[in-house]
Amino acid sequence: LQKASAKLYPGPVRIRNVRLFDPAAKALTEPRDVVVFGNR
């Protein structure tokens, strides 16, 4: 199941048009893009 289901994309992954839950502010941010590269 892991081999068939887990997606490890080459290069950066840009997640567009999301609001983030900010646990320090306990609120949602304005719309953001989040980029993942590797496991960071």
PDB file of all heavy atoms in Angstrom:
ATOM      1  N   LEU A   1       0.827  -1.213   0.000  1.00  0.00           N
ATOM      2  CA  LEU A   1       0.000   0.000   0.000  1.00  0.00           C
ATOM      3  C   LEU A   1       0.862   1.263   0.000  1.00  0.00           C
ATOM      4  O   LEU A   1       0.545   2.246  -0.678  1.00  0.00           O
ATOM      5  CB  LEU A   1      -0.923   0.002   1.219  1.00  0.00           C
ATOM      6  CG  LEU A   1      -2.196  -0.839   1.123  1.00  0.00           C
ATOM      7  CD1 LEU A   1      -2.862  -0.946   2.489  1.00  0.00           C
ATOM      8  CD2 LEU A   1      -3.166  -0.247   0.112  1.00  0.00           C
ATOM      9  N   GLN A   2       1.950   1.237   0.746  1.00  0.00           N
ATOM     10  CA  GLN A   2       2.839   2.395   0.784  1.00  0.00           C
ATOM     11  C   GLN A   2       3.459   2.652  -0.590  1.00  0.00           C
ATOM     12  O   GLN A   2       3.510   3.793  -1.063  1.00  0.00           O
ATOM     13  CB  GLN A   2       3.933   2.166   1.841  1.00  0.00           C
ATOM     14  CG  GLN A   2       5.055   3.194   1.850  1.00  0.00           C
ATOM     15  CD  GLN A   2       4.672   4.514   2.488  1.00  0.00           C
ATOM     16  OE1 GLN A   2       3.500   4.842   2.613  1.00  0.00           O
ATOM     17  NE2 GLN A   2       5.670   5.287   2.893  1.00  0.00           N
ATOM     18  N   LYS A   3       3.917   1.589  -1.241  1.00  0.00           N
ATOM     19  CA  LYS A   3       4.533   1.753  -2.560  1.00  0.00           C
ATOM     20  C   LYS A   3       3.536   2.319  -3.567  1.00  0.00           C
ATOM     21  O   LYS A   3       3.891   3.135  -4.429  1.00  0.00           O
ATOM     22  CB  LYS A   3       5.076   0.415  -3.052  1.00  0.00           C
ATOM     23  CG  LYS A   3       6.340  -0.038  -2.339  1.00  0.00           C
ATOM     24  CD  LYS A   3       6.827  -1.374  -2.899  1.00  0.00           C
ATOM     25  CE  LYS A   3       8.116  -1.811  -2.217  1.00  0.00           C
ATOM     26  NZ  LYS A   3       8.585  -3.128  -2.716  1.00  0.00           N
ATOM     27  N   ALA A   4       2.272   1.889  -3.455  1.00  0.00           N
ATOM     28  CA  ALA A   4       1.265   2.325  -4.418  1.00  0.00           C
ATOM     29  C   ALA A   4       0.722   3.711  -4.103  1.00  0.00           C
ATOM     30  O   ALA A   4       0.214   4.395  -5.009  1.00  0.00           O
ATOM     31  CB  ALA A   4       0.120   1.316  -4.456  1.00  0.00           C
ATOM     32  N   SER A   5       0.812   4.131  -2.847  1.00  0.00           N
ATOM     33  CA  SER A   5       0.056   5.310  -2.416  1.00  0.00           C
ATOM     34  C   SER A   5       0.890   6.522  -2.061  1.00  0.00           C
ATOM     35  O   SER A   5       0.444   7.657  -2.246  1.00  0.00           O
ATOM     36  CB  SER A   5      -0.818   4.937  -1.209  1.00  0.00           C
ATOM     37  OG  SER A   5      -1.655   3.840  -1.503  1.00  0.00           O
ATOM     38  N   ALA A   6       2.078   6.335  -1.496  1.00  0.00           N
ATOM     39  CA  ALA A   6       2.898   7.475  -1.079  1.00  0.00           C
ATOM     40  C   ALA A   6       3.551   8.114  -2.298  1.00  0.00           C
ATOM     41  O   ALA A   6       4.205   7.435  -3.088  1.00  0.00           O
ATOM     42  CB  ALA A   6       3.959   7.023  -0.087  1.00  0.00           C
ATOM     43  N   LYS A   7       3.374   9.399  -2.452  1.00  0.00           N
ATOM     44  CA  LYS A   7       3.926  10.118  -3.591  1.00  0.00           C
ATOM     45  C   LYS A   7       5.143  10.927  -3.134  1.00  0.00           C
ATOM     46  O   LYS A   7       5.037  11.809  -2.284  1.00  0.00           O
ATOM     47  CB  LYS A   7       2.887  11.062  -4.201  1.00  0.00           C
ATOM     48  CG  LYS A   7       1.558  10.387  -4.560  1.00  0.00           C
ATOM     49  CD  LYS A   7       1.726   9.266  -5.564  1.00  0.00           C
ATOM     50  CE  LYS A   7       0.379   8.635  -5.914  1.00  0.00           C
ATOM     51  NZ  LYS A   7       0.541   7.456  -6.802  1.00  0.00           N
ATOM     52  N   LEU A   8       6.286  10.594  -3.705  1.00  0.00           N
ATOM     53  CA  LEU A   8       7.522  11.326  -3.446  1.00  0.00           C
ATOM     54  C   LEU A   8       7.902  12.038  -4.736  1.00  0.00           C
ATOM     55  O   LEU A   8       8.473  11.448  -5.649  1.00  0.00           O
ATOM     56  CB  LEU A   8       8.619  10.367  -2.989  1.00  0.00           C
ATOM     57  CG  LEU A   8       8.350   9.635  -1.675  1.00  0.00           C
ATOM     58  CD1 LEU A   8       9.376   8.542  -1.435  1.00  0.00           C
ATOM     59  CD2 LEU A   8       8.351  10.623  -0.504  1.00  0.00           C
ATOM     60  N   TYR A   9       7.552  13.306  -4.810  1.00  0.00           N
ATOM     61  CA  TYR A   9       7.722  14.040  -6.066  1.00  0.00           C
ATOM     62  C   TYR A   9       9.158  14.528  -6.218  1.00  0.00           C
ATOM     63  O   TYR A   9       9.778  14.984  -5.243  1.00  0.00           O
ATOM     64  CB  TYR A   9       6.774  15.241  -6.093  1.00  0.00           C
ATOM     65  CG  TYR A   9       5.316  14.874  -6.059  1.00  0.00           C
ATOM     66  CD1 TYR A   9       4.534  15.181  -4.954  1.00  0.00           C
ATOM     67  CD2 TYR A   9       4.712  14.216  -7.127  1.00  0.00           C
ATOM     68  CE1 TYR A   9       3.185  14.853  -4.912  1.00  0.00           C
ATOM     69  CE2 TYR A   9       3.358  13.885  -7.098  1.00  0.00           C
ATOM     70  CZ  TYR A   9       2.606  14.205  -5.990  1.00  0.00           C
ATOM     71  OH  TYR A   9       1.271  13.872  -5.953  1.00  0.00           O
ATOM     72  N   PRO A  10       9.690  14.462  -7.442  1.00  0.00           N
ATOM     73  CA  PRO A  10      11.011  15.061  -7.685  1.00  0.00           C
ATOM     74  C   PRO A  10      10.893  16.577  -7.698  1.00  0.00           C
ATOM     75  O   PRO A  10       9.909  17.134  -8.183  1.00  0.00           O
ATOM     76  CB  PRO A  10      11.390  14.520  -9.067  1.00  0.00           C
ATOM     77  CG  PRO A  10      10.081  14.270  -9.746  1.00  0.00           C
ATOM     78  CD  PRO A  10       9.129  13.836  -8.663  1.00  0.00           C
ATOM     79  N   GLY A  11      11.863  17.240  -7.138  1.00  0.00           N
ATOM     80  CA  GLY A  11      11.842  18.695  -7.144  1.00  0.00           C
ATOM     81  C   GLY A  11      10.875  19.269  -6.133  1.00  0.00           C
ATOM     82  O   GLY A  11      10.214  18.550  -5.374  1.00  0.00           O
ATOM     83  N   PRO A  12      10.745  20.592  -6.110  1.00  0.00           N
ATOM     84  CA  PRO A  12       9.835  21.242  -5.161  1.00  0.00           C
ATOM     85  C   PRO A  12       8.372  20.936  -5.486  1.00  0.00           C
ATOM     86  O   PRO A  12       8.007  20.666  -6.630  1.00  0.00           O
ATOM     87  CB  PRO A  12      10.132  22.736  -5.351  1.00  0.00           C
ATOM     88  CG  PRO A  12      11.461  22.790  -6.047  1.00  0.00           C
ATOM     89  CD  PRO A  12      11.534  21.558  -6.892  1.00  0.00           C
ATOM     90  N   VAL A  13       7.537  21.011  -4.446  1.00  0.00           N
ATOM     91  CA  VAL A  13       6.083  20.869  -4.594  1.00  0.00           C
ATOM     92  C   VAL A  13       5.449  22.151  -4.055  1.00  0.00           C
ATOM     93  O   VAL A  13       5.623  22.496  -2.884  1.00  0.00           O
ATOM     94  CB  VAL A  13       5.543  19.644  -3.834  1.00  0.00           C
ATOM     95  CG1 VAL A  13       4.037  19.518  -4.043  1.00  0.00           C
ATOM     96  CG2 VAL A  13       6.263  18.371  -4.258  1.00  0.00           C
ATOM     97  N   ARG A  14       4.726  22.861  -4.944  1.00  0.00           N
ATOM     98  CA  ARG A  14       4.100  24.128  -4.560  1.00  0.00           C
ATOM     99  C   ARG A  14       2.598  23.908  -4.360  1.00  0.00           C
ATOM    100  O   ARG A  14       1.885  23.543  -5.290  1.00  0.00           O
ATOM    101  CB  ARG A  14       4.342  25.192  -5.627  1.00  0.00           C
ATOM    102  CG  ARG A  14       3.940  26.616  -5.202  1.00  0.00           C
ATOM    103  CD  ARG A  14       4.409  27.642  -6.232  1.00  0.00           C
ATOM    104  NE  ARG A  14       5.860  27.648  -6.338  1.00  0.00           N
ATOM    105  CZ  ARG A  14       6.679  28.448  -5.662  1.00  0.00           C
ATOM    106  NH1 ARG A  14       6.166  29.325  -4.811  1.00  0.00           N
ATOM    107  NH2 ARG A  14       7.982  28.370  -5.826  1.00  0.00           N
ATOM    108  N   ILE A  15       2.134  24.107  -3.137  1.00  0.00           N
ATOM    109  CA  ILE A  15       0.715  23.981  -2.801  1.00  0.00           C
ATOM    110  C   ILE A  15       0.123  25.382  -2.836  1.00  0.00           C
ATOM    111  O   ILE A  15       0.466  26.245  -2.016  1.00  0.00           O
ATOM    112  CB  ILE A  15       0.534  23.338  -1.417  1.00  0.00           C
ATOM    113  CG1 ILE A  15       1.279  21.997  -1.354  1.00  0.00           C
ATOM    114  CG2 ILE A  15      -0.948  23.137  -1.101  1.00  0.00           C
ATOM    115  CD1 ILE A  15       1.510  21.491   0.049  1.00  0.00           C
ATOM    116  N   ARG A  16      -0.758  25.620  -3.773  1.00  0.00           N
ATOM    117  CA  ARG A  16      -1.242  26.964  -4.046  1.00  0.00           C
ATOM    118  C   ARG A  16      -2.573  27.259  -3.345  1.00  0.00           C
ATOM    119  O   ARG A  16      -3.402  26.379  -3.169  1.00  0.00           O
ATOM    120  CB  ARG A  16      -1.436  27.159  -5.555  1.00  0.00           C
ATOM    121  CG  ARG A  16      -0.127  27.191  -6.344  1.00  0.00           C
ATOM    122  CD  ARG A  16      -0.372  27.768  -7.740  1.00  0.00           C
ATOM    123  NE  ARG A  16       0.867  27.950  -8.496  1.00  0.00           N
ATOM    124  CZ  ARG A  16       1.693  28.975  -8.338  1.00  0.00           C
ATOM    125  NH1 ARG A  16       1.409  29.916  -7.433  1.00  0.00           N
ATOM    126  NH2 ARG A  16       2.791  29.069  -9.065  1.00  0.00           N
ATOM    127  N   ASN A  17      -2.720  28.523  -2.958  1.00  0.00           N
ATOM    128  CA  ASN A  17      -4.001  29.082  -2.517  1.00  0.00           C
ATOM    129  C   ASN A  17      -4.589  28.324  -1.335  1.00  0.00           C
ATOM    130  O   ASN A  17      -5.651  27.714  -1.412  1.00  0.00           O
ATOM    131  CB  ASN A  17      -4.995  29.122  -3.683  1.00  0.00           C
ATOM    132  CG  ASN A  17      -6.281  29.854  -3.319  1.00  0.00           C
ATOM    133  OD1 ASN A  17      -6.306  30.691  -2.415  1.00  0.00           O
ATOM    134  ND2 ASN A  17      -7.350  29.526  -4.023  1.00  0.00           N
ATOM    135  N   VAL A  18      -3.870  28.355  -0.244  1.00  0.00           N
ATOM    136  CA  VAL A  18      -4.359  27.764   0.997  1.00  0.00           C
ATOM    137  C   VAL A  18      -4.218  28.775   2.123  1.00  0.00           C
ATOM    138  O   VAL A  18      -3.359  29.662   2.082  1.00  0.00           O
ATOM    139  CB  VAL A  18      -3.585  26.478   1.362  1.00  0.00           C
ATOM    140  CG1 VAL A  18      -3.908  25.351   0.402  1.00  0.00           C
ATOM    141  CG2 VAL A  18      -2.072  26.730   1.394  1.00  0.00           C
ATOM    142  N   ARG A  19      -5.079  28.663   3.101  1.00  0.00           N
ATOM    143  CA  ARG A  19      -4.899  29.403   4.340  1.00  0.00           C
ATOM    144  C   ARG A  19      -4.314  28.434   5.364  1.00  0.00           C
ATOM    145  O   ARG A  19      -4.712  27.265   5.433  1.00  0.00           O
ATOM    146  CB  ARG A  19      -6.228  29.992   4.815  1.00  0.00           C
ATOM    147  CG  ARG A  19      -6.754  31.065   3.865  1.00  0.00           C
ATOM    148  CD  ARG A  19      -7.893  31.860   4.475  1.00  0.00           C
ATOM    149  NE  ARG A  19      -9.059  31.022   4.740  1.00  0.00           N
ATOM    150  CZ  ARG A  19     -10.105  31.404   5.474  1.00  0.00           C
ATOM    151  NH1 ARG A  19     -10.116  32.608   6.028  1.00  0.00           N
ATOM    152  NH2 ARG A  19     -11.126  30.608   5.638  1.00  0.00           N
ATOM    153  N   LEU A  20      -3.376  28.914   6.133  1.00  0.00           N
ATOM    154  CA  LEU A  20      -2.705  28.068   7.119  1.00  0.00           C
ATOM    155  C   LEU A  20      -3.324  28.280   8.493  1.00  0.00           C
ATOM    156  O   LEU A  20      -3.627  29.422   8.879  1.00  0.00           O
ATOM    157  CB  LEU A  20      -1.212  28.397   7.195  1.00  0.00           C
ATOM    158  CG  LEU A  20      -0.440  28.591   5.893  1.00  0.00           C
ATOM    159  CD1 LEU A  20       1.038  28.787   6.199  1.00  0.00           C
ATOM    160  CD2 LEU A  20      -0.654  27.419   4.958  1.00  0.00           C
ATOM    161  N   PHE A  21      -3.470  27.190   9.227  1.00  0.00           N
ATOM    162  CA  PHE A  21      -3.811  27.375  10.629  1.00  0.00           C
ATOM    163  C   PHE A  21      -2.536  27.688  11.376  1.00  0.00           C
ATOM    164  O   PHE A  21      -1.584  26.901  11.387  1.00  0.00           O
ATOM    165  CB  PHE A  21      -4.481  26.145  11.230  1.00  0.00           C
ATOM    166  CG  PHE A  21      -4.712  26.306  12.712  1.00  0.00           C
ATOM    167  CD1 PHE A  21      -5.654  27.218  13.177  1.00  0.00           C
ATOM    168  CD2 PHE A  21      -3.944  25.610  13.633  1.00  0.00           C
ATOM    169  CE1 PHE A  21      -5.836  27.420  14.543  1.00  0.00           C
ATOM    170  CE2 PHE A  21      -4.131  25.802  15.001  1.00  0.00           C
ATOM    171  CZ  PHE A  21      -5.083  26.700  15.451  1.00  0.00           C
ATOM    172  N   ASP A  22      -2.487  28.855  11.996  1.00  0.00           N
ATOM    173  CA  ASP A  22      -1.338  29.304  12.784  1.00  0.00           C
ATOM    174  C   ASP A  22      -1.632  28.996  14.252  1.00  0.00           C
ATOM    175  O   ASP A  22      -2.445  29.686  14.879  1.00  0.00           O
ATOM    176  CB  ASP A  22      -1.133  30.805  12.576  1.00  0.00           C
ATOM    177  CG  ASP A  22       0.046  31.353  13.373  1.00  0.00           C
ATOM    178  OD1 ASP A  22       0.541  30.665  14.280  1.00  0.00           O
ATOM    179  OD2 ASP A  22       0.466  32.491  13.085  1.00  0.00           O
ATOM    180  N   PRO A  23      -1.011  27.978  14.827  1.00  0.00           N
ATOM    181  CA  PRO A  23      -1.358  27.594  16.199  1.00  0.00           C
ATOM    182  C   PRO A  23      -0.889  28.593  17.242  1.00  0.00           C
ATOM    183  O   PRO A  23      -1.424  28.602  18.359  1.00  0.00           O
ATOM    184  CB  PRO A  23      -0.668  26.240  16.366  1.00  0.00           C
ATOM    185  CG  PRO A  23       0.440  26.248  15.371  1.00  0.00           C
ATOM    186  CD  PRO A  23      -0.037  27.063  14.218  1.00  0.00           C
ATOM    187  N   ALA A  24       0.088  29.419  16.906  1.00  0.00           N
ATOM    188  CA  ALA A  24       0.510  30.444  17.866  1.00  0.00           C
ATOM    189  C   ALA A  24      -0.525  31.560  17.949  1.00  0.00           C
ATOM    190  O   ALA A  24      -0.898  32.004  19.039  1.00  0.00           O
ATOM    191  CB  ALA A  24       1.879  30.998  17.469  1.00  0.00           C
ATOM    192  N   ALA A  25      -1.015  31.981  16.780  1.00  0.00           N
ATOM    193  CA  ALA A  25      -2.041  33.030  16.754  1.00  0.00           C
ATOM    194  C   ALA A  25      -3.443  32.484  16.967  1.00  0.00           C
ATOM    195  O   ALA A  25      -4.376  33.240  17.223  1.00  0.00           O
ATOM    196  CB  ALA A  25      -1.983  33.760  15.408  1.00  0.00           C
ATOM    197  N   LYS A  26      -3.585  31.171  16.844  1.00  0.00           N
ATOM    198  CA  LYS A  26      -4.885  30.500  16.949  1.00  0.00           C
ATOM    199  C   LYS A  26      -5.883  31.084  15.945  1.00  0.00           C
ATOM    200  O   LYS A  26      -7.037  31.382  16.266  1.00  0.00           O
ATOM    201  CB  LYS A  26      -5.428  30.577  18.374  1.00  0.00           C
ATOM    202  CG  LYS A  26      -4.551  29.854  19.405  1.00  0.00           C
ATOM    203  CD  LYS A  26      -5.145  29.926  20.793  1.00  0.00           C
ATOM    204  CE  LYS A  26      -4.308  29.146  21.806  1.00  0.00           C
ATOM    205  NZ  LYS A  26      -2.922  29.660  21.945  1.00  0.00           N
ATOM    206  N   ALA A  27      -5.416  31.201  14.713  1.00  0.00           N
ATOM    207  CA  ALA A  27      -6.238  31.791  13.654  1.00  0.00           C
ATOM    208  C   ALA A  27      -5.708  31.338  12.306  1.00  0.00           C
ATOM    209  O   ALA A  27      -4.595  30.807  12.198  1.00  0.00           O
ATOM    210  CB  ALA A  27      -6.202  33.317  13.750  1.00  0.00           C
ATOM    211  N   LEU A  28      -6.509  31.577  11.274  1.00  0.00           N
ATOM    212  CA  LEU A  28      -6.074  31.293   9.919  1.00  0.00           C
ATOM    213  C   LEU A  28      -5.339  32.492   9.341  1.00  0.00           C
ATOM    214  O   LEU A  28      -5.668  33.645   9.630  1.00  0.00           O
ATOM    215  CB  LEU A  28      -7.270  30.954   9.020  1.00  0.00           C
ATOM    216  CG  LEU A  28      -8.094  29.713   9.365  1.00  0.00           C
ATOM    217  CD1 LEU A  28      -9.086  29.431   8.236  1.00  0.00           C
ATOM    218  CD2 LEU A  28      -7.218  28.501   9.615  1.00  0.00           C
ATOM    219  N   THR A  29      -4.361  32.213   8.502  1.00  0.00           N
ATOM    220  CA  THR A  29      -3.649  33.269   7.798  1.00  0.00           C
ATOM    221  C   THR A  29      -4.442  33.704   6.567  1.00  0.00           C
ATOM    222  O   THR A  29      -5.452  33.101   6.204  1.00  0.00           O
ATOM    223  CB  THR A  29      -2.279  32.767   7.330  1.00  0.00           C
ATOM    224  OG1 THR A  29      -2.473  31.759   6.320  1.00  0.00           O
ATOM    225  CG2 THR A  29      -1.474  32.196   8.484  1.00  0.00           C
ATOM    226  N   GLU A  30      -3.953  34.728   5.925  1.00  0.00           N
ATOM    227  CA  GLU A  30      -4.429  35.072   4.593  1.00  0.00           C
ATOM    228  C   GLU A  30      -3.959  33.995   3.615  1.00  0.00           C
ATOM    229  O   GLU A  30      -3.106  33.173   3.949  1.00  0.00           O
ATOM    230  CB  GLU A  30      -3.884  36.444   4.181  1.00  0.00           C
ATOM    231  CG  GLU A  30      -4.425  37.601   5.009  1.00  0.00           C
ATOM    232  CD  GLU A  30      -5.936  37.699   4.903  1.00  0.00           C
ATOM    233  OE1 GLU A  30      -6.463  37.645   3.764  1.00  0.00           O
ATOM    234  OE2 GLU A  30      -6.598  37.811   5.953  1.00  0.00           O
ATOM    235  N   PRO A  31      -4.495  33.952   2.393  1.00  0.00           N
ATOM    236  CA  PRO A  31      -4.087  32.913   1.434  1.00  0.00           C
ATOM    237  C   PRO A  31      -2.569  32.888   1.224  1.00  0.00           C
ATOM    238  O   PRO A  31      -1.925  33.937   1.112  1.00  0.00           O
ATOM    239  CB  PRO A  31      -4.833  33.297   0.159  1.00  0.00           C
ATOM    240  CG  PRO A  31      -6.073  33.980   0.668  1.00  0.00           C
ATOM    241  CD  PRO A  31      -5.610  34.761   1.855  1.00  0.00           C
ATOM    242  N   ARG A  32      -2.054  31.699   1.188  1.00  0.00           N
ATOM    243  CA  ARG A  32      -0.610  31.483   1.063  1.00  0.00           C
ATOM    244  C   ARG A  32      -0.338  30.382   0.040  1.00  0.00           C
ATOM    245  O   ARG A  32      -1.211  29.574  -0.288  1.00  0.00           O
ATOM    246  CB  ARG A  32      -0.003  31.052   2.405  1.00  0.00           C
ATOM    247  CG  ARG A  32      -0.101  32.076   3.511  1.00  0.00           C
ATOM    248  CD  ARG A  32       0.972  33.149   3.347  1.00  0.00           C
ATOM    249  NE  ARG A  32       1.034  34.031   4.495  1.00  0.00           N
ATOM    250  CZ  ARG A  32       0.372  35.156   4.633  1.00  0.00           C
ATOM    251  NH1 ARG A  32      -0.465  35.552   3.664  1.00  0.00           N
ATOM    252  NH2 ARG A  32       0.518  35.914   5.697  1.00  0.00           N
ATOM    253  N   ASP A  33       0.904  30.341  -0.422  1.00  0.00           N
ATOM    254  CA  ASP A  33       1.457  29.194  -1.130  1.00  0.00           C
ATOM    255  C   ASP A  33       2.528  28.584  -0.231  1.00  0.00           C
ATOM    256  O   ASP A  33       3.313  29.316   0.400  1.00  0.00           O
ATOM    257  CB  ASP A  33       2.092  29.601  -2.459  1.00  0.00           C
ATOM    258  CG  ASP A  33       1.076  30.081  -3.489  1.00  0.00           C
ATOM    259  OD1 ASP A  33      -0.136  29.879  -3.268  1.00  0.00           O
ATOM    260  OD2 ASP A  33       1.505  30.657  -4.502  1.00  0.00           O
ATOM    261  N   VAL A  34       2.554  27.267  -0.170  1.00  0.00           N
ATOM    262  CA  VAL A  34       3.534  26.558   0.647  1.00  0.00           C
ATOM    263  C   VAL A  34       4.337  25.642  -0.265  1.00  0.00           C
ATOM    264  O   VAL A  34       3.764  24.901  -1.073  1.00  0.00           O
ATOM    265  CB  VAL A  34       2.845  25.738   1.756  1.00  0.00           C
ATOM    266  CG1 VAL A  34       3.865  24.888   2.515  1.00  0.00           C
ATOM    267  CG2 VAL A  34       2.099  26.657   2.717  1.00  0.00           C
ATOM    268  N   VAL A  35       5.649  25.684  -0.129  1.00  0.00           N
ATOM    269  CA  VAL A  35       6.524  24.869  -0.964  1.00  0.00           C
ATOM    270  C   VAL A  35       7.242  23.847  -0.086  1.00  0.00           C
ATOM    271  O   VAL A  35       7.788  24.185   0.972  1.00  0.00           O
ATOM    272  CB  VAL A  35       7.548  25.731  -1.726  1.00  0.00           C
ATOM    273  CG1 VAL A  35       8.417  24.852  -2.630  1.00  0.00           C
ATOM    274  CG2 VAL A  35       6.832  26.797  -2.553  1.00  0.00           C
ATOM    275  N   VAL A  36       7.218  22.597  -0.544  1.00  0.00           N
ATOM    276  CA  VAL A  36       7.914  21.496   0.126  1.00  0.00           C
ATOM    277  C   VAL A  36       9.046  21.033  -0.772  1.00  0.00           C
ATOM    278  O   VAL A  36       8.854  20.822  -1.976  1.00  0.00           O
ATOM    279  CB  VAL A  36       6.942  20.328   0.410  1.00  0.00           C
ATOM    280  CG1 VAL A  36       7.699  19.116   0.954  1.00  0.00           C
ATOM    281  CG2 VAL A  36       5.855  20.761   1.372  1.00  0.00           C
ATOM    282  N   PHE A  37      10.217  20.875  -0.198  1.00  0.00           N
ATOM    283  CA  PHE A  37      11.352  20.310  -0.935  1.00  0.00           C
ATOM    284  C   PHE A  37      11.985  19.241  -0.059  1.00  0.00           C
ATOM    285  O   PHE A  37      12.414  19.525   1.061  1.00  0.00           O
ATOM    286  CB  PHE A  37      12.374  21.389  -1.287  1.00  0.00           C
ATOM    287  CG  PHE A  37      13.528  20.871  -2.114  1.00  0.00           C
ATOM    288  CD1 PHE A  37      13.324  20.409  -3.404  1.00  0.00           C
ATOM    289  CD2 PHE A  37      14.806  20.828  -1.586  1.00  0.00           C
ATOM    290  CE1 PHE A  37      14.377  19.916  -4.162  1.00  0.00           C
ATOM    291  CE2 PHE A  37      15.866  20.351  -2.336  1.00  0.00           C
ATOM    292  CZ  PHE A  37      15.650  19.889  -3.635  1.00  0.00           C
ATOM    293  N   GLY A  38      12.002  18.008  -0.566  1.00  0.00           N
ATOM    294  CA  GLY A  38      12.436  16.900   0.277  1.00  0.00           C
ATOM    295  C   GLY A  38      11.440  16.703   1.395  1.00  0.00           C
ATOM    296  O   GLY A  38      10.237  16.592   1.162  1.00  0.00           O
ATOM    297  N   ASN A  39      11.940  16.668   2.621  1.00  0.00           N
ATOM    298  CA  ASN A  39      11.026  16.493   3.753  1.00  0.00           C
ATOM    299  C   ASN A  39      10.865  17.765   4.570  1.00  0.00           C
ATOM    300  O   ASN A  39      10.403  17.723   5.711  1.00  0.00           O
ATOM    301  CB  ASN A  39      11.495  15.348   4.644  1.00  0.00           C
ATOM    302  CG  ASN A  39      12.784  15.662   5.390  1.00  0.00           C
ATOM    303  OD1 ASN A  39      13.524  16.576   5.017  1.00  0.00           O
ATOM    304  ND2 ASN A  39      13.073  14.899   6.425  1.00  0.00           N
ATOM    305  N   ARG A  40      11.222  18.925   3.962  1.00  0.00           N
ATOM    306  CA  ARG A  40      11.153  20.199   4.672  1.00  0.00           C
ATOM    307  C   ARG A  40      10.244  21.185   3.959  1.00  0.00           C
ATOM    308  O   ARG A  40      10.034  21.116   2.743  1.00  0.00           O
ATOM    309  CB  ARG A  40      12.553  20.823   4.771  1.00  0.00           C
ATOM    310  CG  ARG A  40      13.545  20.017   5.586  1.00  0.00           C
ATOM    311  CD  ARG A  40      13.479  20.352   7.047  1.00  0.00           C
ATOM    312  NE  ARG A  40      14.355  19.484   7.836  1.00  0.00           N
ATOM    313  CZ  ARG A  40      14.462  19.552   9.157  1.00  0.00           C
ATOM    314  NH1 ARG A  40      13.755  20.457   9.831  1.00  0.00           N
ATOM    315  NH2 ARG A  40      15.245  18.723   9.809  1.00  0.00           N
TER     316      ARG A  40
END
